[in-house]
Amino acid sequence: MSKSLKIIPEETIERRICVIRGQKVMLDHDLAELYGVSTKALNQAVSRNTDRFPEDFMFRLSRKELDALHQSQIVTGSQKHRDPRYPPRVFTQEGIAMLSSVLHSRQAIQVNIEIMRTFVRMREAMASHKELARRIDEIEQKYDARFKAVFDAIRKLMESPPVPPKRPIGYIHND
């Protein structure tokens, strides 16, 4: 990588990834900022290549989704300069990968690589958390069964052995 291109910290990228419609996405203006282009230039490149961006790669936010983003303060001040008739586009991981084919700068390519790595690390972290939770559940079930056997054995040891009936002391009169 060229020394003139700055490396973007993973945390910077992670902060800009949000979940909308159950998918991890990034907003067009965040991507434009990372790529070092204007939001207008990014959207023009996408508009010239709409066949590369199906609905599962890129979609526009609904008014309700945009309002929810404003309320959660994810959308930055740059939104006030946007045309309200055109809500922002959001890009899934696949759409972000496709952006490198329509944005032809070295910075866009390098940033894209970092974004892809961040998505992969996030997916791996989530998978490891799921695996850890699954293993804990397995261990808990195993130990519950083992502890039950241990407790059953302890209870048996604590029980007194059956006492044979005592012979009565004294004179027994049999009639």
Protein backbone atom coordinates (compact mmCIF):
# COMPACT_ATOMS: atom_id res chain seq x y z
CA MET A 1 0.00 0.00 0.00
CA SER A 2 1.28 3.47 -0.84
CA LYS A 3 2.49 5.67 1.99
CA SER A 4 0.23 8.49 0.76
CA LEU A 5 -2.86 6.42 1.56
CA LYS A 6 -3.81 6.50 5.19
CA ILE A 7 -4.88 3.36 6.98
CA ILE A 8 -8.37 3.58 8.43
CA PRO A 9 -8.68 2.09 11.92
CA GLU A 10 -11.06 -0.85 12.18
CA GLU A 11 -13.01 0.92 14.95
CA THR A 12 -13.77 3.81 12.57
CA ILE A 13 -15.28 1.39 10.10
CA GLU A 14 -17.14 -0.61 12.77
CA ARG A 15 -18.79 2.55 14.14
CA ARG A 16 -20.22 3.25 10.71
CA ILE A 17 -21.76 -0.17 10.23
CA CYS A 18 -25.39 -0.29 11.30
CA VAL A 19 -28.14 -2.87 11.10
CA ILE A 20 -31.14 -2.03 8.92
CA ARG A 21 -33.73 -4.57 7.76
CA GLY A 22 -31.74 -7.22 9.58
CA GLN A 23 -28.61 -6.61 7.50
CA LYS A 24 -25.31 -4.97 8.34
CA VAL A 25 -25.01 -1.94 6.07
CA MET A 26 -23.12 1.30 5.60
CA LEU A 27 -24.63 4.63 4.56
CA ASP A 28 -23.64 6.24 1.28
CA HIS A 29 -22.23 9.39 2.89
CA ASP A 30 -20.09 7.37 5.32
CA LEU A 31 -18.67 5.33 2.45
CA ALA A 32 -18.06 8.46 0.38
CA GLU A 33 -16.15 10.01 3.26
CA LEU A 34 -14.01 6.88 3.71
CA TYR A 35 -13.36 6.66 -0.04
CA GLY A 36 -12.43 10.34 -0.22
CA VAL A 37 -15.15 11.24 -2.73
CA SER A 38 -18.32 13.29 -2.45
CA THR A 39 -21.59 11.53 -1.71
CA LYS A 40 -22.86 12.91 -5.01
CA ALA A 41 -19.95 11.34 -6.93
CA LEU A 42 -20.47 7.98 -5.20
CA ASN A 43 -24.22 8.00 -5.98
CA GLN A 44 -23.60 9.07 -9.58
CA ALA A 45 -21.24 6.13 -10.05
CA VAL A 46 -23.88 3.81 -8.61
CA SER A 47 -26.62 5.34 -10.79
CA ARG A 48 -24.50 4.79 -13.90
CA ASN A 49 -24.15 1.11 -12.93
CA THR A 50 -27.54 0.19 -11.44
CA ASP A 51 -27.37 -3.34 -12.89
CA ARG A 52 -24.44 -4.02 -10.51
CA PHE A 53 -26.49 -3.12 -7.43
CA PRO A 54 -29.54 -5.33 -6.95
CA GLU A 55 -31.76 -4.84 -3.88
CA ASP A 56 -29.69 -7.22 -1.75
CA PHE A 57 -26.55 -5.15 -2.47
CA MET A 58 -27.98 -1.65 -2.06
CA PHE A 59 -31.30 -0.02 -1.21
CA ARG A 60 -32.69 3.37 -0.23
CA LEU A 61 -33.86 3.99 3.29
CA SER A 62 -37.56 4.50 3.86
CA ARG A 63 -38.71 7.68 5.61
CA LYS A 64 -39.37 5.65 8.77
CA GLU A 65 -35.88 4.10 8.70
CA LEU A 66 -34.32 7.52 8.12
CA ASP A 67 -36.25 8.99 11.06
CA ALA A 68 -35.11 6.09 13.26
CA LEU A 69 -31.50 6.78 12.25
CA HIS A 70 -31.90 10.46 13.08
CA GLN A 71 -33.31 9.56 16.49
CA SER A 72 -30.46 7.18 17.23
CA GLN A 73 -28.00 9.90 16.12
CA ILE A 74 -26.20 7.63 13.67
CA VAL A 75 -26.77 10.07 10.82
CA THR A 76 -24.31 12.95 10.97
CA GLY A 77 -24.77 16.63 10.26
CA SER A 78 -24.06 16.15 6.57
CA GLN A 79 -27.66 14.96 6.26
CA LYS A 80 -28.99 18.53 6.54
CA HIS A 81 -27.50 19.30 3.11
CA ARG A 82 -29.16 16.34 1.40
CA ASP A 83 -32.14 16.59 -0.89
CA PRO A 84 -35.06 15.25 1.21
CA ARG A 85 -36.63 13.73 -1.90
CA TYR A 86 -33.77 11.21 -2.05
CA PRO A 87 -33.19 9.31 1.16
CA PRO A 88 -29.68 7.89 1.54
CA ARG A 89 -28.63 4.66 -0.05
CA VAL A 90 -27.26 1.93 2.14
CA PHE A 91 -24.90 -0.79 0.98
CA THR A 92 -24.60 -4.36 2.24
CA GLN A 93 -21.23 -6.10 2.33
CA GLU A 94 -21.76 -7.33 -1.22
CA GLY A 95 -22.72 -3.84 -2.40
CA ILE A 96 -19.62 -2.37 -0.78
CA ALA A 97 -17.50 -4.95 -2.58
CA MET A 98 -19.20 -3.97 -5.83
CA LEU A 99 -18.39 -0.28 -5.22
CA SER A 100 -14.72 -0.98 -5.90
CA SER A 101 -15.66 -1.86 -9.48
CA VAL A 102 -17.39 1.49 -10.08
CA LEU A 103 -15.05 3.77 -8.08
CA HIS A 104 -11.69 3.74 -9.76
CA SER A 105 -9.38 5.34 -7.21
CA ARG A 106 -6.56 3.60 -5.35
CA GLN A 107 -8.00 4.90 -2.09
CA ALA A 108 -11.39 3.35 -2.86
CA ILE A 109 -9.75 -0.01 -3.50
CA GLN A 110 -7.67 0.11 -0.29
CA VAL A 111 -10.60 1.30 1.82
CA ASN A 112 -12.75 -1.45 0.32
CA ILE A 113 -10.19 -4.04 1.36
CA GLU A 114 -10.21 -2.70 4.94
CA ILE A 115 -14.02 -2.66 5.04
CA MET A 116 -14.19 -6.27 3.81
CA ARG A 117 -11.67 -7.32 6.47
CA THR A 118 -13.73 -5.56 9.14
CA PHE A 119 -16.93 -7.31 8.03
CA VAL A 120 -15.12 -10.67 8.09
CA ARG A 121 -13.69 -10.04 11.58
CA MET A 122 -17.12 -9.02 12.86
CA ARG A 123 -18.67 -12.18 11.39
CA GLU A 124 -15.91 -14.33 12.93
CA ALA A 125 -16.39 -12.67 16.33
CA MET A 126 -20.14 -13.30 16.20
CA ALA A 127 -19.57 -16.93 15.18
CA SER A 128 -17.09 -17.47 18.01
CA HIS A 129 -19.59 -16.01 20.50
CA LYS A 130 -22.26 -18.39 19.22
CA GLU A 131 -19.83 -21.32 19.42
CA LEU A 132 -18.82 -20.35 22.96
CA ALA A 133 -22.46 -20.12 24.04
CA ARG A 134 -23.17 -23.53 22.48
CA ARG A 135 -20.18 -25.11 24.26
CA ILE A 136 -21.20 -23.61 27.60
CA ASP A 137 -24.70 -25.05 27.15
CA GLU A 138 -23.20 -28.47 26.38
CA ILE A 139 -20.91 -28.37 29.41
CA GLU A 140 -23.75 -27.22 31.62
CA GLN A 141 -25.89 -30.15 30.49
CA LYS A 142 -23.02 -32.60 31.02
CA TYR A 143 -22.26 -31.27 34.45
CA ASP A 144 -25.90 -31.22 35.45
CA ALA A 145 -26.10 -34.93 34.68
CA ARG A 146 -22.78 -35.63 36.42
CA PHE A 147 -23.68 -33.60 39.48
CA LYS A 148 -27.02 -35.39 39.70
CA ALA A 149 -25.18 -38.70 39.82
CA VAL A 150 -22.77 -37.32 42.44
CA PHE A 151 -25.61 -36.00 44.57
CA ASP A 152 -27.51 -39.28 44.23
CA ALA A 153 -24.40 -41.15 45.40
CA ILE A 154 -23.94 -38.77 48.33
CA ARG A 155 -27.58 -39.22 49.36
CA LYS A 156 -27.15 -43.01 49.28
CA LEU A 157 -24.05 -42.74 51.48
CA MET A 158 -25.94 -40.52 53.90
CA GLU A 159 -28.76 -43.03 54.26
CA SER A 160 -28.42 -45.34 57.23
CA PRO A 161 -28.24 -48.99 56.43
CA PRO A 162 -31.44 -50.86 57.16
CA VAL A 163 -31.49 -51.87 60.80
CA PRO A 164 -32.50 -55.45 61.50
CA PRO A 165 -35.40 -55.69 63.94
CA LYS A 166 -34.19 -55.82 67.52
CA ARG A 167 -35.00 -58.69 69.71
CA PRO A 168 -37.02 -57.58 72.65
CA ILE A 169 -35.32 -57.70 76.01
CA GLY A 170 -36.93 -59.46 78.87
CA TYR A 171 -39.41 -62.22 79.29
CA ILE A 172 -41.59 -62.87 76.30
CA HIS A 173 -44.72 -64.73 76.98
CA ASN A 174 -46.00 -66.67 74.00
CA ASP A 175 -49.61 -67.57 74.31
